[in-house]
Amino acid sequence: MKKNKDNDRVIFTKQMKKDYTILMPTMLPIHMRLLEKTFKLHGYKVVLLETNNQNIVDEGLKNVHNDTCYPALLVIGQLLDALHNGGYDINKTALIITQTGGGCRASNYIHLLRKALKQGGMGHIPVISLNISGLEKNPGFKLTLALTVQLIYAVIYGDLLTWLANQTRPYEINSGETDRLVVKWEDRLSEEYKKAVNLRLAKIKSNMVEITKDFATIQKRNEKKIRVGVVGEIYIKYAPLGNNNLEKFLADEGCEVVVPGLLDFLIFKADNRVDDVNIYGGSKIKKYLINKFIDFMLYLQRTMKKIIEENSSYVPVTQYRELRGLITNDYVGYGNKMGEGWLLTAEMLDLCHMGVNNIVCTQPFGCLPNHIAGKGMIRKIKENYPSSNIVAIDYDPGATKVNQENRIKLMLANAKEISSAQ
């Protein structure tokens, strides 16, 4: 077992890449399955954990202080539950977790995980940091340019499938047709991911066109449903484990769910580095390289929007630059970038611009960035958009699902009252 002399962490070696299974926690089901296939294409034996049970929360509470961010508790709990109950050889298993490197508590998840492993007698298990900031390096794991680009392709596929499915599912005439189409494309893309040749830009664009046309053929009822946007802290916003299956609950209540894509968050995190140089100074070369990476992601997003507009009647995605342009002095500055920062405020404003006035702002209890850029902006947004109907919901181990859903039902009751009056 090789350790780093600086912080005594276990290094993931080149030999481990050949022999070790790498466990990855879940967040967005469609996206994560494609990300898993991307890692496998590059020789990593990654397994996506899709467990969802009370034992995950119990493991988190037992091994992480209950004042810690709820997503950390769930992510660490899911990994520990897998080590204890998943049948994996703990002497041939590694873990992978994202690390943003900012002021958000998420940067410390990895240290809390290592501490929990050590306390549980599993300190020999290597934990890989997935980051673009160069925070930690491992000889057996490298975020190469090719891998990074292909991970972005997985994200754009996931965003497209989710965006189209959410606009189709509530109106489908043949029940389950949307989900069957999602599974069809998941299976097809997963098969394609076995060969790098299928991850070229021309193929990505061709598949995006075909995906959009496929969804456009689904027969839909011509009716109007209440549209509800979901924003908030990235894990709680997306993960059914974190938000008590919020999207399913809203669908069961007869709503069309509108959830912003993941690519915006990735662009936002890269754009933060540019803002740092603009505000505080720094390397112009670094700024130039980051802008090139951002331009690539913006190109993919523009391509997706154009494909949706040209091949269907679906509402297209909003471009990142348009989101950024919504932030004015009335709200927060671009220097407000901890966690979801100004992007969270911009997503709520964008939903209001789209006519999605009903919004659930999800946040882990005690998440300071969300309390400022999310909950803290609600009154200002309501002043500027009087028809907005926003509710902030806290998620933590002590919050009951019944209480959360009752508060959302009150918001929906208000939405139905406004809708019937129009």
Protein backbone atom coordinates (compact mmCIF):
# COMPACT_ATOMS: atom_id res chain seq x y z
CA MET A 1 0.00 0.00 0.00
CA LYS A 2 1.65 3.19 -1.23
CA LYS A 3 1.04 6.41 0.74
CA ASN A 4 1.59 10.05 -0.02
CA LYS A 5 4.17 11.52 2.36
CA ASP A 6 2.42 14.91 2.52
CA ASN A 7 -0.96 13.86 3.89
CA ASP A 8 -0.67 10.12 4.48
CA ARG A 9 -3.33 9.32 1.87
CA VAL A 10 -3.30 6.01 0.01
CA ILE A 11 -2.17 6.41 -3.59
CA PHE A 12 -4.07 4.78 -6.46
CA THR A 13 -1.26 3.13 -8.44
CA LYS A 14 -0.94 1.96 -12.04
CA GLN A 15 -1.15 -1.65 -10.85
CA MET A 16 -4.38 -0.87 -9.01
CA LYS A 17 -5.90 0.35 -12.27
CA LYS A 18 -5.50 -3.19 -13.62
CA ASP A 19 -6.82 -5.03 -10.57
CA TYR A 20 -9.13 -2.76 -8.59
CA THR A 21 -12.86 -2.14 -8.82
CA ILE A 22 -13.67 1.58 -8.43
CA LEU A 23 -16.99 2.38 -6.75
CA MET A 24 -18.71 5.59 -7.87
CA PRO A 25 -21.69 7.16 -6.02
CA THR A 26 -24.74 8.15 -8.04
CA MET A 27 -26.42 11.50 -8.66
CA LEU A 28 -28.13 11.74 -12.08
CA PRO A 29 -29.17 8.22 -13.18
CA ILE A 30 -28.94 8.71 -16.96
CA HIS A 31 -25.80 10.83 -16.92
CA MET A 32 -23.95 8.64 -14.43
CA ARG A 33 -24.51 5.44 -16.39
CA LEU A 34 -22.92 7.04 -19.43
CA LEU A 35 -20.07 8.44 -17.33
CA GLU A 36 -19.48 4.93 -15.98
CA LYS A 37 -19.16 3.60 -19.53
CA THR A 38 -16.71 6.40 -20.39
CA PHE A 39 -14.39 5.44 -17.55
CA LYS A 40 -14.57 1.78 -18.59
CA LEU A 41 -13.56 2.72 -22.13
CA HIS A 42 -10.32 4.07 -20.65
CA GLY A 43 -9.55 0.91 -18.71
CA TYR A 44 -11.04 1.79 -15.31
CA LYS A 45 -13.20 -0.90 -13.69
CA VAL A 46 -15.83 1.54 -12.46
CA VAL A 47 -19.09 0.39 -10.86
CA LEU A 48 -21.92 2.90 -10.44
CA LEU A 49 -23.78 2.49 -7.15
CA GLU A 50 -27.53 2.84 -7.63
CA THR A 51 -28.63 1.75 -4.17
CA ASN A 52 -31.35 3.73 -2.42
CA ASN A 53 -32.24 2.60 1.09
CA GLN A 54 -32.35 3.75 4.71
CA ASN A 55 -29.12 1.92 5.49
CA ILE A 56 -27.25 4.54 3.44
CA VAL A 57 -28.52 7.31 5.72
CA ASP A 58 -27.72 5.21 8.79
CA GLU A 59 -24.15 4.60 7.60
CA GLY A 60 -23.73 8.31 6.97
CA LEU A 61 -25.05 9.30 10.37
CA LYS A 62 -22.84 6.73 12.06
CA ASN A 63 -19.65 7.81 10.29
CA VAL A 64 -20.11 11.52 9.56
CA HIS A 65 -20.97 14.29 12.04
CA ASN A 66 -24.66 15.17 11.71
CA ASP A 67 -23.80 18.86 11.22
CA THR A 68 -22.04 17.95 7.99
CA CYS A 69 -23.65 18.75 4.65
CA TYR A 70 -26.44 16.25 3.90
CA PRO A 71 -25.04 15.33 0.44
CA ALA A 72 -21.73 14.39 2.11
CA LEU A 73 -23.58 12.18 4.55
CA LEU A 74 -25.42 10.42 1.70
CA VAL A 75 -22.43 10.04 -0.64
CA ILE A 76 -20.20 8.69 2.12
CA GLY A 77 -23.04 6.54 3.45
CA GLN A 78 -23.65 5.02 0.01
CA LEU A 79 -19.97 4.15 -0.45
CA LEU A 80 -19.66 2.64 3.04
CA ASP A 81 -22.89 0.69 2.60
CA ALA A 82 -21.48 -0.79 -0.61
CA LEU A 83 -18.23 -1.77 1.12
CA HIS A 84 -20.14 -3.44 3.96
CA ASN A 85 -22.98 -5.03 2.01
CA GLY A 86 -22.08 -5.06 -1.69
CA GLY A 87 -19.89 -8.13 -1.71
CA TYR A 88 -16.79 -6.28 -2.91
CA ASP A 89 -13.27 -7.40 -2.00
CA ILE A 90 -12.13 -4.49 0.18
CA ASN A 91 -8.52 -5.35 -0.62
CA LYS A 92 -9.16 -4.84 -4.34
CA THR A 93 -11.57 -1.91 -4.19
CA ALA A 94 -11.08 1.86 -4.59
CA LEU A 95 -13.53 4.74 -4.29
CA ILE A 96 -13.93 7.85 -6.45
CA ILE A 97 -15.48 11.15 -5.42
CA THR A 98 -15.62 14.64 -6.92
CA GLN A 99 -13.74 17.53 -5.34
CA THR A 100 -14.49 21.06 -6.56
CA GLY A 101 -11.73 22.86 -4.69
CA GLY A 102 -13.83 25.90 -3.78
CA GLY A 103 -15.04 27.23 -0.45
CA CYS A 104 -18.04 24.89 -0.40
CA ARG A 105 -18.00 22.05 2.12
CA ALA A 106 -18.03 19.67 -0.84
CA SER A 107 -14.26 20.12 -1.12
CA ASN A 108 -13.90 18.33 2.22
CA TYR A 109 -16.07 15.28 1.47
CA ILE A 110 -13.00 13.33 0.45
CA HIS A 111 -11.26 13.95 3.78
CA LEU A 112 -14.38 12.97 5.72
CA LEU A 113 -14.60 9.78 3.66
CA ARG A 114 -10.98 8.87 4.38
CA LYS A 115 -11.51 9.53 8.06
CA ALA A 116 -14.58 7.25 8.08
CA LEU A 117 -12.64 4.51 6.27
CA LYS A 118 -9.80 4.73 8.77
CA GLN A 119 -12.16 4.59 11.74
CA GLY A 120 -13.86 1.54 10.21
CA GLY A 121 -10.62 -0.36 9.73
CA MET A 122 -10.57 0.23 5.97
CA GLY A 123 -7.95 2.97 5.80
CA HIS A 124 -6.03 0.98 3.18
CA ILE A 125 -8.73 1.66 0.56
CA PRO A 126 -7.59 4.37 -1.90
CA VAL A 127 -9.95 7.28 -2.56
CA ILE A 128 -9.56 8.99 -5.96
CA SER A 129 -10.27 12.71 -6.23
CA LEU A 130 -12.08 13.58 -9.47
CA ASN A 131 -11.23 17.24 -10.08
CA ILE A 132 -9.92 19.62 -12.73
CA SER A 133 -7.96 21.77 -10.28
CA GLY A 134 -4.97 19.50 -9.79
CA LEU A 135 -5.81 19.07 -6.09
CA GLU A 136 -4.63 15.48 -5.85
CA LYS A 137 -2.77 13.23 -8.27
CA ASN A 138 -2.58 9.46 -8.59
CA PRO A 139 -0.28 7.50 -10.93
CA GLY A 140 -3.13 5.10 -11.75
CA PHE A 141 -5.77 7.71 -12.54
CA LYS A 142 -5.36 10.57 -14.97
CA LEU A 143 -8.02 12.93 -16.29
CA THR A 144 -6.56 13.09 -19.79
CA LEU A 145 -7.85 15.42 -22.50
CA ALA A 146 -9.50 12.52 -24.35
CA LEU A 147 -11.22 11.26 -21.19
CA THR A 148 -12.35 14.77 -20.25
CA VAL A 149 -13.86 15.42 -23.69
CA GLN A 150 -15.67 12.08 -23.66
CA LEU A 151 -17.03 12.73 -20.17
CA ILE A 152 -18.44 16.02 -21.50
CA TYR A 153 -20.08 14.07 -24.35
CA ALA A 154 -21.74 11.83 -21.75
CA VAL A 155 -23.06 14.92 -19.97
CA ILE A 156 -24.50 16.45 -23.15
CA TYR A 157 -26.22 13.14 -24.00
CA GLY A 158 -27.63 12.98 -20.46
CA ASP A 159 -28.84 16.58 -20.60
CA LEU A 160 -30.57 16.02 -23.94
CA LEU A 161 -32.29 12.78 -22.92
CA THR A 162 -33.46 14.25 -19.61
CA TRP A 163 -34.64 17.53 -21.17
CA LEU A 164 -36.70 15.81 -23.85
CA ALA A 165 -38.06 13.10 -21.55
CA ASN A 166 -39.30 15.65 -19.01
CA GLN A 167 -41.25 17.46 -21.74
CA THR A 168 -42.72 14.20 -23.08
CA ARG A 169 -43.52 11.95 -20.12
CA PRO A 170 -46.43 13.99 -18.65
CA TYR A 171 -48.26 14.06 -22.00
CA GLU A 172 -47.58 10.65 -23.54
CA ILE A 173 -50.66 8.80 -24.78
CA ASN A 174 -49.07 5.36 -24.46
CA SER A 175 -47.97 5.04 -20.83
CA GLY A 176 -44.29 4.19 -20.36
CA GLU A 177 -43.31 4.99 -23.95
CA THR A 178 -40.98 7.81 -22.91
CA ASP A 179 -39.11 5.71 -20.38
CA ARG A 180 -38.78 2.86 -22.87
CA LEU A 181 -37.23 5.27 -25.36
CA VAL A 182 -34.80 6.54 -22.71
CA VAL A 183 -33.75 2.95 -21.95
CA LYS A 184 -33.38 2.24 -25.68
CA TRP A 185 -30.95 5.13 -26.07
CA GLU A 186 -29.12 4.35 -22.84
CA ASP A 187 -28.53 0.81 -24.10
CA ARG A 188 -27.51 1.97 -27.58
CA LEU A 189 -25.13 4.65 -26.32
CA SER A 190 -23.67 2.26 -23.76
CA GLU A 191 -22.93 -0.21 -26.55
CA GLU A 192 -21.38 2.54 -28.68
CA TYR A 193 -19.18 3.60 -25.77
CA LYS A 194 -17.28 0.35 -26.09
CA LYS A 195 -15.47 1.85 -29.12
CA ALA A 196 -13.70 5.21 -29.07
CA VAL A 197 -14.56 5.78 -32.73
CA ASN A 198 -18.18 6.38 -31.67
CA LEU A 199 -17.11 9.28 -29.48
CA ARG A 200 -16.16 11.64 -32.27
CA LEU A 201 -17.97 14.95 -32.60
CA ALA A 202 -19.69 14.11 -35.90
CA LYS A 203 -21.16 10.94 -34.37
CA ILE A 204 -22.28 12.80 -31.25
CA LYS A 205 -24.15 15.37 -33.36
CA SER A 206 -25.71 12.65 -35.52
CA ASN A 207 -26.96 10.80 -32.44
CA MET A 208 -28.37 14.00 -30.94
CA VAL A 209 -30.42 14.59 -34.09
CA GLU A 210 -31.70 11.02 -34.06
CA ILE A 211 -32.55 11.18 -30.34
CA THR A 212 -34.55 14.39 -30.82
CA LYS A 213 -36.44 13.00 -33.81
CA ASP A 214 -37.21 9.82 -31.87
CA PHE A 215 -38.80 11.74 -29.01
CA ALA A 216 -40.72 13.93 -31.45
CA THR A 217 -42.51 10.84 -32.82
CA ILE A 218 -44.08 9.98 -29.45
CA GLN A 219 -47.82 10.69 -29.47
CA LYS A 220 -48.74 13.30 -26.88
CA ARG A 221 -51.98 14.69 -25.45
CA ASN A 222 -52.72 18.29 -26.25
CA GLU A 223 -53.21 19.58 -22.72
CA LYS A 224 -51.60 22.06 -20.39
CA LYS A 225 -50.07 20.92 -17.12
CA ILE A 226 -48.57 22.94 -14.32
CA ARG A 227 -44.84 23.30 -14.95
CA VAL A 228 -42.59 23.16 -11.91
CA GLY A 229 -38.89 23.99 -12.00
CA VAL A 230 -36.40 22.29 -9.69
CA VAL A 231 -33.22 24.15 -8.71
CA GLY A 232 -30.82 24.13 -5.77
CA GLU A 233 -27.66 22.49 -4.50
CA ILE A 234 -26.42 20.21 -7.26
CA TYR A 235 -26.70 16.85 -5.45
CA ILE A 236 -30.04 17.53 -3.78
CA LYS A 237 -31.43 18.99 -7.02
CA TYR A 238 -30.63 15.90 -9.08
CA ALA A 239 -30.29 12.82 -6.85
CA PRO A 240 -33.51 10.91 -6.02
CA LEU A 241 -31.65 9.63 -2.95
CA GLY A 242 -31.09 13.21 -1.80
CA ASN A 243 -34.48 14.76 -2.57
CA ASN A 244 -36.79 11.87 -1.67
CA ASN A 245 -37.68 11.19 -5.31
CA LEU A 246 -38.88 14.77 -5.82
CA GLU A 247 -39.33 14.49 -9.59
CA LYS A 248 -41.52 11.39 -9.24
CA PHE A 249 -43.59 13.11 -6.55
CA LEU A 250 -44.18 16.14 -8.79
CA ALA A 251 -45.05 13.89 -11.73
CA ASP A 252 -47.54 11.97 -9.56
CA GLU A 253 -49.08 15.33 -8.66
CA GLY A 254 -49.73 15.91 -12.36
CA CYS A 255 -46.89 18.35 -13.06
CA GLU A 256 -44.38 18.78 -15.86
CA VAL A 257 -40.96 18.92 -14.22
CA VAL A 258 -38.34 21.33 -15.59
CA VAL A 259 -34.79 20.69 -14.40
CA PRO A 260 -31.77 22.65 -15.71
CA GLY A 261 -28.98 20.56 -17.24
CA LEU A 262 -25.68 19.54 -15.71
CA LEU A 263 -23.54 21.12 -18.43
CA ASP A 264 -24.39 24.62 -17.17
CA PHE A 265 -22.85 23.73 -13.80
CA LEU A 266 -19.67 22.42 -15.42
CA ILE A 267 -19.32 25.56 -17.54
CA PHE A 268 -20.00 27.65 -14.43
CA LYS A 269 -17.20 25.93 -12.51
CA ALA A 270 -14.75 26.53 -15.34
CA ASP A 271 -15.97 30.10 -15.80
CA ASN A 272 -15.27 30.75 -12.11
CA ARG A 273 -11.55 30.41 -12.85
CA VAL A 274 -11.85 33.13 -15.47
CA ASP A 275 -13.74 35.36 -13.03
CA ASP A 276 -10.97 34.80 -10.49
CA VAL A 277 -8.42 36.19 -12.94
CA ASN A 278 -10.71 39.09 -13.90
CA ILE A 279 -11.44 40.04 -10.30
CA TYR A 280 -8.26 39.14 -8.44
CA GLY A 281 -5.65 38.85 -11.18
CA GLY A 282 -3.67 35.78 -12.21
CA SER A 283 -2.24 33.88 -15.14
CA LYS A 284 -3.46 35.07 -18.53
CA ILE A 285 -2.28 31.82 -20.08
CA LYS A 286 -4.46 29.86 -17.65
CA LYS A 287 -7.38 32.15 -18.47
CA TYR A 288 -6.85 31.58 -22.20
CA LEU A 289 -6.76 27.77 -21.87
CA ILE A 290 -9.84 27.70 -19.65
CA ASN A 291 -11.72 29.92 -22.11
CA LYS A 292 -10.88 27.43 -24.88
CA PHE A 293 -12.36 24.62 -22.78
CA ILE A 294 -15.44 26.74 -22.07
CA ASP A 295 -15.82 27.52 -25.79
CA PHE A 296 -15.92 23.78 -26.51
CA MET A 297 -18.72 23.19 -23.98
CA LEU A 298 -20.62 26.26 -25.20
CA TYR A 299 -20.37 24.91 -28.76
CA LEU A 300 -21.94 21.62 -27.68
CA GLN A 301 -24.71 23.47 -25.88
CA ARG A 302 -25.43 25.68 -28.91
CA THR A 303 -25.48 22.57 -31.07
CA MET A 304 -27.98 20.87 -28.78
CA LYS A 305 -30.26 23.93 -28.82
CA LYS A 306 -30.12 24.17 -32.63
CA ILE A 307 -30.86 20.46 -33.03
CA ILE A 308 -33.90 20.69 -30.74
CA GLU A 309 -35.22 23.75 -32.59
CA GLU A 310 -34.73 22.26 -36.06
CA ASN A 311 -36.04 18.75 -35.39
CA SER A 312 -38.90 19.16 -32.92
CA SER A 313 -41.38 21.48 -31.25
CA TYR A 314 -39.79 21.06 -27.83
CA VAL A 315 -38.75 24.06 -25.77
CA PRO A 316 -34.97 24.37 -26.32
CA VAL A 317 -32.40 24.69 -23.55
CA THR A 318 -31.20 28.12 -22.46
CA GLN A 319 -27.60 28.93 -23.29
CA TYR A 320 -25.11 29.51 -20.46
CA ARG A 321 -24.24 33.02 -21.66
CA GLU A 322 -27.94 33.89 -21.55
CA LEU A 323 -28.10 32.64 -17.96
CA ARG A 324 -25.08 34.71 -17.02
CA GLY A 325 -26.68 37.77 -18.61
CA LEU A 326 -29.67 37.49 -16.28
CA ILE A 327 -27.52 38.39 -13.26
CA THR A 328 -27.65 42.11 -12.51
CA ASN A 329 -26.80 44.34 -9.57
CA ASP A 330 -30.29 43.63 -8.23
CA TYR A 331 -29.16 40.14 -7.30
CA VAL A 332 -25.63 38.79 -6.75
CA GLY A 333 -22.25 39.40 -8.36
CA TYR A 334 -20.13 37.01 -10.40
CA GLY A 335 -17.75 36.78 -7.45
CA ASN A 336 -20.51 34.91 -5.60
CA LYS A 337 -19.43 31.47 -6.75
CA MET A 338 -19.32 29.17 -3.73
CA GLY A 339 -21.36 26.04 -4.31
CA GLU A 340 -23.87 26.91 -7.04
CA GLY A 341 -23.35 30.66 -6.47
CA TRP A 342 -24.95 33.09 -8.89
CA LEU A 343 -25.90 30.23 -11.23
CA LEU A 344 -28.63 29.17 -8.80
CA THR A 345 -30.15 32.66 -8.89
CA ALA A 346 -29.84 32.74 -12.69
CA GLU A 347 -31.63 29.39 -13.03
CA MET A 348 -34.61 30.71 -11.05
CA LEU A 349 -34.68 33.86 -13.18
CA ASP A 350 -34.48 31.79 -16.37
CA LEU A 351 -37.40 29.63 -15.27
CA CYS A 352 -39.46 32.78 -14.69
CA HIS A 353 -38.47 34.01 -18.18
CA MET A 354 -39.65 30.68 -19.62
CA GLY A 355 -43.00 31.04 -17.88
CA VAL A 356 -42.16 28.35 -15.33
CA ASN A 357 -43.21 30.44 -12.35
CA ASN A 358 -43.55 27.53 -9.92
CA ILE A 359 -40.16 26.61 -8.49
CA VAL A 360 -38.90 24.24 -5.81
CA CYS A 361 -35.54 25.44 -4.46
CA THR A 362 -33.89 22.42 -2.88
CA GLN A 363 -31.09 22.83 -0.36
CA PRO A 364 -29.27 20.84 2.31
CA PHE A 365 -30.06 22.26 5.74
CA GLY A 366 -27.43 24.83 6.72
CA CYS A 367 -25.97 25.21 3.20
CA LEU A 368 -24.76 28.81 3.36
CA PRO A 369 -24.22 29.32 -0.42
CA ASN A 370 -27.77 28.12 -1.08
CA HIS A 371 -29.25 30.24 1.69
CA ILE A 372 -27.71 33.31 0.01
CA ALA A 373 -28.02 32.60 -3.73
CA GLY A 374 -31.17 30.50 -3.44
CA LYS A 375 -33.42 31.17 -0.50
CA GLY A 376 -31.95 34.63 0.00
CA MET A 377 -32.91 35.72 -3.52
CA ILE A 378 -36.53 34.57 -3.44
CA ARG A 379 -37.99 37.82 -2.11
CA LYS A 380 -36.07 39.89 -4.68
CA ILE A 381 -37.19 37.61 -7.51
CA LYS A 382 -40.79 37.86 -6.35
CA GLU A 383 -40.52 41.65 -6.34
CA ASN A 384 -39.34 41.63 -9.96
CA TYR A 385 -41.57 38.71 -11.02
CA PRO A 386 -44.84 39.03 -9.04
CA SER A 387 -46.28 35.86 -10.59
CA SER A 388 -43.37 33.71 -9.35
CA ASN A 389 -44.38 31.00 -6.89
CA ILE A 390 -41.23 29.70 -5.16
CA VAL A 391 -40.78 27.44 -2.15
CA ALA A 392 -37.46 26.57 -0.49
CA ILE A 393 -37.24 23.04 0.90
CA ASP A 394 -34.55 21.87 3.32
CA TYR A 395 -33.27 18.30 3.16
CA ASP A 396 -31.42 16.60 6.00
CA PRO A 397 -31.67 13.36 8.02
CA GLY A 398 -34.12 14.96 10.47
CA ALA A 399 -36.50 16.41 7.89
CA THR A 400 -39.54 14.24 7.23
CA LYS A 401 -40.68 13.44 3.72
CA VAL A 402 -44.28 14.19 4.73
CA ASN A 403 -43.40 17.72 5.86
CA GLN A 404 -41.41 18.38 2.68
CA GLU A 405 -44.20 17.14 0.42
CA ASN A 406 -46.90 19.05 2.33
CA ARG A 407 -45.01 22.30 1.81
CA ILE A 408 -44.67 21.53 -1.90
CA LYS A 409 -48.39 20.71 -2.07
CA LEU A 410 -49.17 24.14 -0.65
CA MET A 411 -47.09 25.68 -3.42
CA LEU A 412 -48.92 23.54 -6.00
CA ALA A 413 -52.30 24.52 -4.57
CA ASN A 414 -51.33 28.15 -5.06
CA ALA A 415 -50.18 27.36 -8.61
CA LYS A 416 -53.50 25.68 -9.46
CA GLU A 417 -55.42 28.63 -8.03
CA ILE A 418 -53.44 31.09 -10.16
CA SER A 419 -53.81 28.86 -13.24
CA SER A 420 -57.60 28.55 -12.88
CA ALA A 421 -57.93 32.31 -12.45
CA GLN A 422 -56.13 33.02 -15.72
